[in-house]
Amino acid sequence: MPKDATVYSIDSTTARTASSRPSLNDQLSSVLDDLRARIVEADEITLEFDGKLHVHLDVKAGEDLPLVEAKLAELGNGMFSQIGRGATPNHPFSHRVSALVTI
């Protein structure tokens, strides 16, 4: 009986197929670059992974929050979901918009 010599990546695609796709680092860098270019109201943009990938956009002007939320909702063809507001750790005069990221 022949042995299967195909090498699979962690997401069950063959190594040959996986190598033709951009790396995870490249995908995340692209997401950050796109957010920085399109949401200029954000003073700081960070990604956080705690079992799920989240993006946090820190904004100084509270009146910019609805605009940031609207821009985030229309970016990436639904890549950003569960958009909400919260406190900004260690920055009492900033506001935070967070969302779940699906790549």
PDB file of N, CA and C in Angstrom:
ATOM      1  N   MET A   1       0.841  -1.163   0.000  1.00  0.00           N
ATOM      2  CA  MET A   1       0.000   0.000   0.000  1.00  0.00           C
ATOM      3  C   MET A   1       0.897   1.241   0.000  1.00  0.00           C
ATOM      4  N   PRO A   2       0.649   2.225  -0.925  1.00  0.00           N
ATOM      5  CA  PRO A   2       1.498   3.405  -1.014  1.00  0.00           C
ATOM      6  C   PRO A   2       1.267   4.356   0.157  1.00  0.00           C
ATOM      7  N   LYS A   3       2.323   5.017   0.532  1.00  0.00           N
ATOM      8  CA  LYS A   3       2.263   6.007   1.610  1.00  0.00           C
ATOM      9  C   LYS A   3       1.941   7.380   1.022  1.00  0.00           C
ATOM     10  N   ASP A   4       1.161   8.165   1.764  1.00  0.00           N
ATOM     11  CA  ASP A   4       0.841   9.522   1.345  1.00  0.00           C
ATOM     12  C   ASP A   4       2.015  10.425   1.724  1.00  0.00           C
ATOM     13  N   ALA A   5       2.683  10.983   0.725  1.00  0.00           N
ATOM     14  CA  ALA A   5       3.852  11.817   0.972  1.00  0.00           C
ATOM     15  C   ALA A   5       3.523  13.306   0.896  1.00  0.00           C
ATOM     16  N   THR A   6       2.242  13.639   0.866  1.00  0.00           N
ATOM     17  CA  THR A   6       1.853  15.036   0.792  1.00  0.00           C
ATOM     18  C   THR A   6       2.021  15.696   2.151  1.00  0.00           C
ATOM     19  N   VAL A   7       2.607  16.877   2.152  1.00  0.00           N
ATOM     20  CA  VAL A   7       2.803  17.637   3.383  1.00  0.00           C
ATOM     21  C   VAL A   7       1.659  18.629   3.504  1.00  0.00           C
ATOM     22  N   TYR A   8       1.023  18.657   4.683  1.00  0.00           N
ATOM     23  CA  TYR A   8      -0.103  19.558   4.920  1.00  0.00           C
ATOM     24  C   TYR A   8       0.294  20.638   5.912  1.00  0.00           C
ATOM     25  N   SER A   9      -0.289  21.822   5.730  1.00  0.00           N
ATOM     26  CA  SER A   9      -0.046  22.902   6.680  1.00  0.00           C
ATOM     27  C   SER A   9      -1.047  22.798   7.819  1.00  0.00           C
ATOM     28  N   ILE A  10      -0.944  23.704   8.764  1.00  0.00           N
ATOM     29  CA  ILE A  10      -1.790  23.648   9.949  1.00  0.00           C
ATOM     30  C   ILE A  10      -3.273  23.821   9.616  1.00  0.00           C
ATOM     31  N   ASP A  11      -3.616  24.504   8.514  1.00  0.00           N
ATOM     32  CA  ASP A  11      -5.020  24.697   8.158  1.00  0.00           C
ATOM     33  C   ASP A  11      -5.509  23.669   7.136  1.00  0.00           C
ATOM     34  N   SER A  12      -4.831  22.540   7.025  1.00  0.00           N
ATOM     35  CA  SER A  12      -5.203  21.386   6.205  1.00  0.00           C
ATOM     36  C   SER A  12      -5.073  21.604   4.701  1.00  0.00           C
ATOM     37  N   THR A  13      -4.400  22.670   4.282  1.00  0.00           N
ATOM     38  CA  THR A  13      -4.116  22.819   2.867  1.00  0.00           C
ATOM     39  C   THR A  13      -2.739  22.223   2.618  1.00  0.00           C
ATOM     40  N   THR A  14      -2.480  21.828   1.397  1.00  0.00           N
ATOM     41  CA  THR A  14      -1.162  21.276   1.097  1.00  0.00           C
ATOM     42  C   THR A  14      -0.126  22.377   1.200  1.00  0.00           C
ATOM     43  N   ALA A  15       1.085  22.012   1.476  1.00  0.00           N
ATOM     44  CA  ALA A  15       2.170  22.990   1.629  1.00  0.00           C
ATOM     45  C   ALA A  15       2.339  23.800   0.357  1.00  0.00           C
ATOM     46  N   ARG A  16       2.153  23.181  -0.779  1.00  0.00           N
ATOM     47  CA  ARG A  16       2.295  23.870  -2.054  1.00  0.00           C
ATOM     48  C   ARG A  16       1.230  24.968  -2.172  1.00  0.00           C
ATOM     49  N   THR A  17      -0.004  24.672  -1.792  1.00  0.00           N
ATOM     50  CA  THR A  17      -1.084  25.653  -1.843  1.00  0.00           C
ATOM     51  C   THR A  17      -0.855  26.745  -0.810  1.00  0.00           C
ATOM     52  N   ALA A  18      -0.447  26.366   0.368  1.00  0.00           N
ATOM     53  CA  ALA A  18      -0.249  27.337   1.445  1.00  0.00           C
ATOM     54  C   ALA A  18       0.854  28.331   1.103  1.00  0.00           C
ATOM     55  N   SER A  19       1.910  27.887   0.421  1.00  0.00           N
ATOM     56  CA  SER A  19       3.018  28.778   0.112  1.00  0.00           C
ATOM     57  C   SER A  19       2.633  29.824  -0.926  1.00  0.00           C
ATOM     58  N   SER A  20       1.571  29.598  -1.693  1.00  0.00           N
ATOM     59  CA  SER A  20       1.155  30.570  -2.691  1.00  0.00           C
ATOM     60  C   SER A  20       0.328  31.698  -2.070  1.00  0.00           C
ATOM     61  N   ARG A  21      -0.113  31.537  -0.825  1.00  0.00           N
ATOM     62  CA  ARG A  21      -0.875  32.567  -0.138  1.00  0.00           C
ATOM     63  C   ARG A  21       0.067  33.456   0.666  1.00  0.00           C
ATOM     64  N   PRO A  22      -0.349  34.710   0.927  1.00  0.00           N
ATOM     65  CA  PRO A  22       0.500  35.566   1.758  1.00  0.00           C
ATOM     66  C   PRO A  22       0.592  35.020   3.181  1.00  0.00           C
ATOM     67  N   SER A  23       1.704  35.282   3.825  1.00  0.00           N
ATOM     68  CA  SER A  23       1.889  34.808   5.194  1.00  0.00           C
ATOM     69  C   SER A  23       0.938  35.542   6.137  1.00  0.00           C
ATOM     70  N   LEU A  24       0.727  34.994   7.311  1.00  0.00           N
ATOM     71  CA  LEU A  24      -0.131  35.623   8.306  1.00  0.00           C
ATOM     72  C   LEU A  24       0.414  37.001   8.682  1.00  0.00           C
ATOM     73  N   ASN A  25       1.723  37.101   8.825  1.00  0.00           N
ATOM     74  CA  ASN A  25       2.349  38.382   9.143  1.00  0.00           C
ATOM     75  C   ASN A  25       2.046  39.418   8.059  1.00  0.00           C
ATOM     76  N   ASP A  26       2.125  39.009   6.800  1.00  0.00           N
ATOM     77  CA  ASP A  26       1.821  39.923   5.693  1.00  0.00           C
ATOM     78  C   ASP A  26       0.352  40.335   5.710  1.00  0.00           C
ATOM     79  N   GLN A  27      -0.541  39.400   6.019  1.00  0.00           N
ATOM     80  CA  GLN A  27      -1.969  39.708   6.078  1.00  0.00           C
ATOM     81  C   GLN A  27      -2.266  40.701   7.198  1.00  0.00           C
ATOM     82  N   LEU A  28      -1.684  40.483   8.378  1.00  0.00           N
ATOM     83  CA  LEU A  28      -1.906  41.384   9.504  1.00  0.00           C
ATOM     84  C   LEU A  28      -1.318  42.764   9.232  1.00  0.00           C
ATOM     85  N   SER A  29      -0.138  42.816   8.632  1.00  0.00           N
ATOM     86  CA  SER A  29       0.474  44.098   8.271  1.00  0.00           C
ATOM     87  C   SER A  29      -0.393  44.852   7.278  1.00  0.00           C
ATOM     88  N   SER A  30      -0.978  44.131   6.344  1.00  0.00           N
ATOM     89  CA  SER A  30      -1.864  44.739   5.359  1.00  0.00           C
ATOM     90  C   SER A  30      -3.115  45.319   6.020  1.00  0.00           C
ATOM     91  N   VAL A  31      -3.680  44.596   6.986  1.00  0.00           N
ATOM     92  CA  VAL A  31      -4.852  45.083   7.720  1.00  0.00           C
ATOM     93  C   VAL A  31      -4.506  46.368   8.466  1.00  0.00           C
ATOM     94  N   LEU A  32      -3.383  46.373   9.178  1.00  0.00           N
ATOM     95  CA  LEU A  32      -2.962  47.571   9.919  1.00  0.00           C
ATOM     96  C   LEU A  32      -2.693  48.753   8.993  1.00  0.00           C
ATOM     97  N   ASP A  33      -2.007  48.507   7.890  1.00  0.00           N
ATOM     98  CA  ASP A  33      -1.705  49.581   6.942  1.00  0.00           C
ATOM     99  C   ASP A  33      -2.982  50.180   6.368  1.00  0.00           C
ATOM    100  N   ASP A  34      -3.948  49.318   6.033  1.00  0.00           N
ATOM    101  CA  ASP A  34      -5.212  49.781   5.481  1.00  0.00           C
ATOM    102  C   ASP A  34      -5.985  50.611   6.507  1.00  0.00           C
ATOM    103  N   LEU A  35      -6.017  50.140   7.751  1.00  0.00           N
ATOM    104  CA  LEU A  35      -6.707  50.887   8.803  1.00  0.00           C
ATOM    105  C   LEU A  35      -6.044  52.245   9.052  1.00  0.00           C
ATOM    106  N   ARG A  36      -4.732  52.278   9.082  1.00  0.00           N
ATOM    107  CA  ARG A  36      -4.017  53.542   9.322  1.00  0.00           C
ATOM    108  C   ARG A  36      -4.264  54.546   8.192  1.00  0.00           C
ATOM    109  N   ALA A  37      -4.364  54.043   6.971  1.00  0.00           N
ATOM    110  CA  ALA A  37      -4.580  54.915   5.825  1.00  0.00           C
ATOM    111  C   ALA A  37      -6.016  55.433   5.758  1.00  0.00           C
ATOM    112  N   ARG A  38      -6.975  54.628   6.168  1.00  0.00           N
ATOM    113  CA  ARG A  38      -8.381  55.001   6.001  1.00  0.00           C
ATOM    114  C   ARG A  38      -9.035  55.611   7.233  1.00  0.00           C
ATOM    115  N   ILE A  39      -8.517  55.319   8.403  1.00  0.00           N
ATOM    116  CA  ILE A  39      -9.110  55.871   9.622  1.00  0.00           C
ATOM    117  C   ILE A  39      -8.068  56.766  10.289  1.00  0.00           C
ATOM    118  N   VAL A  40      -7.948  57.947   9.747  1.00  0.00           N
ATOM    119  CA  VAL A  40      -6.924  58.887  10.227  1.00  0.00           C
ATOM    120  C   VAL A  40      -7.300  59.503  11.574  1.00  0.00           C
ATOM    121  N   GLU A  41      -8.554  59.349  11.988  1.00  0.00           N
ATOM    122  CA  GLU A  41      -8.991  59.877  13.281  1.00  0.00           C
ATOM    123  C   GLU A  41      -8.404  59.095  14.454  1.00  0.00           C
ATOM    124  N   ALA A  42      -7.960  57.872  14.216  1.00  0.00           N
ATOM    125  CA  ALA A  42      -7.403  57.031  15.279  1.00  0.00           C
ATOM    126  C   ALA A  42      -5.966  57.439  15.573  1.00  0.00           C
ATOM    127  N   ASP A  43      -5.695  57.651  16.850  1.00  0.00           N
ATOM    128  CA  ASP A  43      -4.333  58.008  17.266  1.00  0.00           C
ATOM    129  C   ASP A  43      -3.439  56.780  17.366  1.00  0.00           C
ATOM    130  N   GLU A  44      -4.043  55.661  17.726  1.00  0.00           N
ATOM    131  CA  GLU A  44      -3.287  54.417  17.862  1.00  0.00           C
ATOM    132  C   GLU A  44      -4.176  53.255  17.421  1.00  0.00           C
ATOM    133  N   ILE A  45      -3.599  52.329  16.664  1.00  0.00           N
ATOM    134  CA  ILE A  45      -4.323  51.140  16.209  1.00  0.00           C
ATOM    135  C   ILE A  45      -3.502  49.927  16.603  1.00  0.00           C
ATOM    136  N   THR A  46      -4.118  49.009  17.339  1.00  0.00           N
ATOM    137  CA  THR A  46      -3.414  47.804  17.780  1.00  0.00           C
ATOM    138  C   THR A  46      -4.246  46.569  17.496  1.00  0.00           C
ATOM    139  N   LEU A  47      -3.552  45.454  17.342  1.00  0.00           N
ATOM    140  CA  LEU A  47      -4.187  44.150  17.213  1.00  0.00           C
ATOM    141  C   LEU A  47      -3.908  43.363  18.482  1.00  0.00           C
ATOM    142  N   GLU A  48      -4.883  42.563  18.898  1.00  0.00           N
ATOM    143  CA  GLU A  48      -4.735  41.736  20.098  1.00  0.00           C
ATOM    144  C   GLU A  48      -5.326  40.364  19.800  1.00  0.00           C
ATOM    145  N   PHE A  49      -4.624  39.331  20.209  1.00  0.00           N
ATOM    146  CA  PHE A  49      -5.117  37.963  20.028  1.00  0.00           C
ATOM    147  C   PHE A  49      -5.240  37.300  21.391  1.00  0.00           C
ATOM    148  N   ASP A  50      -6.471  36.876  21.711  1.00  0.00           N
ATOM    149  CA  ASP A  50      -6.724  36.150  22.957  1.00  0.00           C
ATOM    150  C   ASP A  50      -7.615  34.942  22.663  1.00  0.00           C
ATOM    151  N   GLY A  51      -7.276  34.239  21.617  1.00  0.00           N
ATOM    152  CA  GLY A  51      -8.126  33.159  21.122  1.00  0.00           C
ATOM    153  C   GLY A  51      -8.919  33.639  19.916  1.00  0.00           C
ATOM    154  N   LYS A  52      -9.150  34.923  19.839  1.00  0.00           N
ATOM    155  CA  LYS A  52      -9.779  35.597  18.700  1.00  0.00           C
ATOM    156  C   LYS A  52      -8.983  36.863  18.438  1.00  0.00           C
ATOM    157  N   LEU A  53      -8.990  37.307  17.190  1.00  0.00           N
ATOM    158  CA  LEU A  53      -8.241  38.501  16.812  1.00  0.00           C
ATOM    159  C   LEU A  53      -9.139  39.733  16.942  1.00  0.00           C
ATOM    160  N   HIS A  54      -8.666  40.729  17.672  1.00  0.00           N
ATOM    161  CA  HIS A  54      -9.391  41.978  17.880  1.00  0.00           C
ATOM    162  C   HIS A  54      -8.526  43.143  17.425  1.00  0.00           C
ATOM    163  N   VAL A  55      -9.182  44.187  16.936  1.00  0.00           N
ATOM    164  CA  VAL A  55      -8.498  45.438  16.623  1.00  0.00           C
ATOM    165  C   VAL A  55      -9.024  46.499  17.584  1.00  0.00           C
ATOM    166  N   HIS A  56      -8.115  47.348  18.040  1.00  0.00           N
ATOM    167  CA  HIS A  56      -8.471  48.449  18.940  1.00  0.00           C
ATOM    168  C   HIS A  56      -8.002  49.748  18.307  1.00  0.00           C
ATOM    169  N   LEU A  57      -8.913  50.708  18.202  1.00  0.00           N
ATOM    170  CA  LEU A  57      -8.595  52.026  17.656  1.00  0.00           C
ATOM    171  C   LEU A  57      -8.833  53.047  18.757  1.00  0.00           C
ATOM    172  N   ASP A  58      -7.772  53.713  19.190  1.00  0.00           N
ATOM    173  CA  ASP A  58      -7.866  54.713  20.243  1.00  0.00           C
ATOM    174  C   ASP A  58      -8.026  56.098  19.614  1.00  0.00           C
ATOM    175  N   VAL A  59      -9.047  56.816  20.081  1.00  0.00           N
ATOM    176  CA  VAL A  59      -9.416  58.098  19.515  1.00  0.00           C
ATOM    177  C   VAL A  59      -9.471  59.127  20.640  1.00  0.00           C
ATOM    178  N   LYS A  60      -8.909  60.315  20.432  1.00  0.00           N
ATOM    179  CA  LYS A  60      -8.934  61.353  21.471  1.00  0.00           C
ATOM    180  C   LYS A  60     -10.254  62.121  21.476  1.00  0.00           C
ATOM    181  N   ALA A  61     -10.771  62.443  20.309  1.00  0.00           N
ATOM    182  CA  ALA A  61     -11.988  63.248  20.230  1.00  0.00           C
ATOM    183  C   ALA A  61     -13.227  62.348  20.265  1.00  0.00           C
ATOM    184  N   GLY A  62     -14.031  62.496  21.296  1.00  0.00           N
ATOM    185  CA  GLY A  62     -15.232  61.682  21.445  1.00  0.00           C
ATOM    186  C   GLY A  62     -16.210  61.843  20.295  1.00  0.00           C
ATOM    187  N   GLU A  63     -16.238  63.032  19.677  1.00  0.00           N
ATOM    188  CA  GLU A  63     -17.157  63.246  18.557  1.00  0.00           C
ATOM    189  C   GLU A  63     -16.755  62.467  17.305  1.00  0.00           C
ATOM    190  N   ASP A  64     -15.526  61.946  17.266  1.00  0.00           N
ATOM    191  CA  ASP A  64     -15.080  61.131  16.129  1.00  0.00           C
ATOM    192  C   ASP A  64     -15.500  59.663  16.253  1.00  0.00           C
ATOM    193  N   LEU A  65     -15.986  59.241  17.405  1.00  0.00           N
ATOM    194  CA  LEU A  65     -16.335  57.833  17.613  1.00  0.00           C
ATOM    195  C   LEU A  65     -17.352  57.303  16.601  1.00  0.00           C
ATOM    196  N   PRO A  66     -18.476  57.987  16.347  1.00  0.00           N
ATOM    197  CA  PRO A  66     -19.425  57.456  15.358  1.00  0.00           C
ATOM    198  C   PRO A  66     -18.815  57.336  13.964  1.00  0.00           C
ATOM    199  N   LEU A  67     -17.963  58.291  13.594  1.00  0.00           N
ATOM    200  CA  LEU A  67     -17.308  58.243  12.288  1.00  0.00           C
ATOM    201  C   LEU A  67     -16.362  57.048  12.195  1.00  0.00           C
ATOM    202  N   VAL A  68     -15.574  56.824  13.232  1.00  0.00           N
ATOM    203  CA  VAL A  68     -14.642  55.685  13.254  1.00  0.00           C
ATOM    204  C   VAL A  68     -15.410  54.370  13.185  1.00  0.00           C
ATOM    205  N   GLU A  69     -16.499  54.263  13.937  1.00  0.00           N
ATOM    206  CA  GLU A  69     -17.317  53.042  13.906  1.00  0.00           C
ATOM    207  C   GLU A  69     -17.906  52.803  12.520  1.00  0.00           C
ATOM    208  N   ALA A  70     -18.387  53.862  11.878  1.00  0.00           N
ATOM    209  CA  ALA A  70     -18.970  53.728  10.544  1.00  0.00           C
ATOM    210  C   ALA A  70     -17.917  53.317   9.516  1.00  0.00           C
ATOM    211  N   LYS A  71     -16.752  53.937   9.578  1.00  0.00           N
ATOM    212  CA  LYS A  71     -15.678  53.588   8.641  1.00  0.00           C
ATOM    213  C   LYS A  71     -15.245  52.132   8.836  1.00  0.00           C
ATOM    214  N   LEU A  72     -15.128  51.717  10.081  1.00  0.00           N
ATOM    215  CA  LEU A  72     -14.701  50.352  10.383  1.00  0.00           C
ATOM    216  C   LEU A  72     -15.716  49.336   9.873  1.00  0.00           C
ATOM    217  N   ALA A  73     -17.001  49.657  10.005  1.00  0.00           N
ATOM    218  CA  ALA A  73     -18.056  48.741   9.570  1.00  0.00           C
ATOM    219  C   ALA A  73     -18.056  48.519   8.065  1.00  0.00           C
ATOM    220  N   GLU A  74     -17.637  49.517   7.299  1.00  0.00           N
ATOM    221  CA  GLU A  74     -17.690  49.369   5.845  1.00  0.00           C
ATOM    222  C   GLU A  74     -16.373  48.883   5.227  1.00  0.00           C
ATOM    223  N   LEU A  75     -15.335  48.764   6.021  1.00  0.00           N
ATOM    224  CA  LEU A  75     -14.045  48.283   5.505  1.00  0.00           C
ATOM    225  C   LEU A  75     -13.997  46.763   5.427  1.00  0.00           C
ATOM    226  N   GLY A  76     -13.256  46.251   4.483  1.00  0.00           N
ATOM    227  CA  GLY A  76     -12.906  44.841   4.437  1.00  0.00           C
ATOM    228  C   GLY A  76     -14.025  43.860   4.168  1.00  0.00           C
ATOM    229  N   ASN A  77     -15.115  44.296   3.552  1.00  0.00           N
ATOM    230  CA  ASN A  77     -16.217  43.382   3.212  1.00  0.00           C
ATOM    231  C   ASN A  77     -16.650  42.515   4.378  1.00  0.00           C
ATOM    232  N   GLY A  78     -16.911  43.124   5.519  1.00  0.00           N
ATOM    233  CA  GLY A  78     -17.373  42.378   6.687  1.00  0.00           C
ATOM    234  C   GLY A  78     -16.267  41.764   7.520  1.00  0.00           C
ATOM    235  N   MET A  79     -15.032  42.184   7.282  1.00  0.00           N
ATOM    236  CA  MET A  79     -13.901  41.646   8.040  1.00  0.00           C
ATOM    237  C   MET A  79     -13.989  42.026   9.517  1.00  0.00           C
ATOM    238  N   PHE A  80     -14.626  43.176   9.802  1.00  0.00           N
ATOM    239  CA  PHE A  80     -14.727  43.672  11.169  1.00  0.00           C
ATOM    240  C   PHE A  80     -16.166  43.532  11.647  1.00  0.00           C
ATOM    241  N   SER A  81     -16.355  42.839  12.764  1.00  0.00           N
ATOM    242  CA  SER A  81     -17.691  42.647  13.321  1.00  0.00           C
ATOM    243  C   SER A  81     -17.649  42.899  14.826  1.00  0.00           C
ATOM    244  N   GLN A  82     -18.810  42.882  15.450  1.00  0.00           N
ATOM    245  CA  GLN A  82     -18.937  43.121  16.887  1.00  0.00           C
ATOM    246  C   GLN A  82     -18.220  44.411  17.298  1.00  0.00           C
ATOM    247  N   ILE A  83     -18.503  45.468  16.556  1.00  0.00           N
ATOM    248  CA  ILE A  83     -17.883  46.768  16.807  1.00  0.00           C
ATOM    249  C   ILE A  83     -18.513  47.383  18.055  1.00  0.00           C
ATOM    250  N   GLY A  84     -17.653  47.834  18.965  1.00  0.00           N
ATOM    251  CA  GLY A  84     -18.147  48.428  20.199  1.00  0.00           C
ATOM    252  C   GLY A  84     -17.166  49.422  20.781  1.00  0.00           C
ATOM    253  N   ARG A  85     -17.637  50.152  21.777  1.00  0.00           N
ATOM    254  CA  ARG A  85     -16.819  51.161  22.450  1.00  0.00           C
ATOM    255  C   ARG A  85     -16.410  50.660  23.824  1.00  0.00           C
ATOM    256  N   GLY A  86     -15.287  51.164  24.304  1.00  0.00           N
ATOM    257  CA  GLY A  86     -14.828  50.800  25.634  1.00  0.00           C
ATOM    258  C   GLY A  86     -13.791  51.774  26.139  1.00  0.00           C
ATOM    259  N   ALA A  87     -13.309  51.514  27.313  1.00  0.00           N
ATOM    260  CA  ALA A  87     -12.291  52.361  27.931  1.00  0.00           C
ATOM    261  C   ALA A  87     -10.926  52.057  27.335  1.00  0.00           C
ATOM    262  N   THR A  88     -10.081  53.061  27.332  1.00  0.00           N
ATOM    263  CA  THR A  88      -8.712  52.908  26.862  1.00  0.00           C
ATOM    264  C   THR A  88      -7.811  52.748  28.079  1.00  0.00           C
ATOM    265  N   PRO A  89      -7.177  51.579  28.241  1.00  0.00           N
ATOM    266  CA  PRO A  89      -6.320  51.364  29.414  1.00  0.00           C
ATOM    267  C   PRO A  89      -5.194  52.399  29.503  1.00  0.00           C
ATOM    268  N   ASN A  90      -5.005  52.954  30.685  1.00  0.00           N
ATOM    269  CA  ASN A  90      -3.920  53.901  30.982  1.00  0.00           C
ATOM    270  C   ASN A  90      -4.004  55.215  30.210  1.00  0.00           C
ATOM    271  N   HIS A  91      -5.124  55.497  29.547  1.00  0.00           N
ATOM    272  CA  HIS A  91      -5.304  56.745  28.816  1.00  0.00           C
ATOM    273  C   HIS A  91      -6.717  57.268  29.093  1.00  0.00           C
ATOM    274  N   PRO A  92      -6.905  57.929  30.232  1.00  0.00           N
ATOM    275  CA  PRO A  92      -8.255  58.324  30.623  1.00  0.00           C
ATOM    276  C   PRO A  92      -8.925  59.342  29.697  1.00  0.00           C
ATOM    277  N   PHE A  93      -8.168  60.039  28.853  1.00  0.00           N
ATOM    278  CA  PHE A  93      -8.762  61.047  27.980  1.00  0.00           C
ATOM    279  C   PHE A  93      -8.942  60.543  26.550  1.00  0.00           C
ATOM    280  N   SER A  94      -8.783  59.254  26.343  1.00  0.00           N
ATOM    281  CA  SER A  94      -8.993  58.655  25.029  1.00  0.00           C
ATOM    282  C   SER A  94     -10.219  57.756  25.075  1.00  0.00           C
ATOM    283  N   HIS A  95     -10.703  57.428  23.902  1.00  0.00           N
ATOM    284  CA  HIS A  95     -11.841  56.531  23.744  1.00  0.00           C
ATOM    285  C   HIS A  95     -11.388  55.390  22.841  1.00  0.00           C
ATOM    286  N   ARG A  96     -11.969  54.216  23.023  1.00  0.00           N
ATOM    287  CA  ARG A  96     -11.554  53.053  22.253  1.00  0.00           C
ATOM    288  C   ARG A  96     -12.733  52.455  21.496  1.00  0.00           C
ATOM    289  N   VAL A  97     -12.486  52.180  20.225  1.00  0.00           N
ATOM    290  CA  VAL A  97     -13.422  51.417  19.402  1.00  0.00           C
ATOM    291  C   VAL A  97     -12.730  50.084  19.144  1.00  0.00           C
ATOM    292  N   SER A  98     -13.416  48.988  19.430  1.00  0.00           N
ATOM    293  CA  SER A  98     -12.852  47.650  19.241  1.00  0.00           C
ATOM    294  C   SER A  98     -13.761  46.844  18.331  1.00  0.00           C
ATOM    295  N   ALA A  99     -13.171  45.873  17.650  1.00  0.00           N
ATOM    296  CA  ALA A  99     -13.942  44.996  16.772  1.00  0.00           C
ATOM    297  C   ALA A  99     -13.252  43.644  16.657  1.00  0.00           C
ATOM    298  N   LEU A 100     -14.036  42.637  16.371  1.00  0.00           N
ATOM    299  CA  LEU A 100     -13.528  41.307  16.081  1.00  0.00           C
ATOM    300  C   LEU A 100     -13.086  41.286  14.631  1.00  0.00           C
ATOM    301  N   VAL A 101     -11.930  40.712  14.348  1.00  0.00           N
ATOM    302  CA  VAL A 101     -11.377  40.674  12.993  1.00  0.00           C
ATOM    303  C   VAL A 101     -11.432  39.244  12.478  1.00  0.00           C
ATOM    304  N   THR A 102     -11.965  39.084  11.273  1.00  0.00           N
ATOM    305  CA  THR A 102     -11.988  37.789  10.613  1.00  0.00           C
ATOM    306  C   THR A 102     -11.200  37.902   9.315  1.00  0.00           C
ATOM    307  N   ILE A 103     -10.101  37.166   9.238  1.00  0.00           N
ATOM    308  CA  ILE A 103      -9.246  37.216   8.030  1.00  0.00           C
ATOM    309  C   ILE A 103      -9.565  36.036   7.153  1.00  0.00           C
TER     310      ILE A 103
END
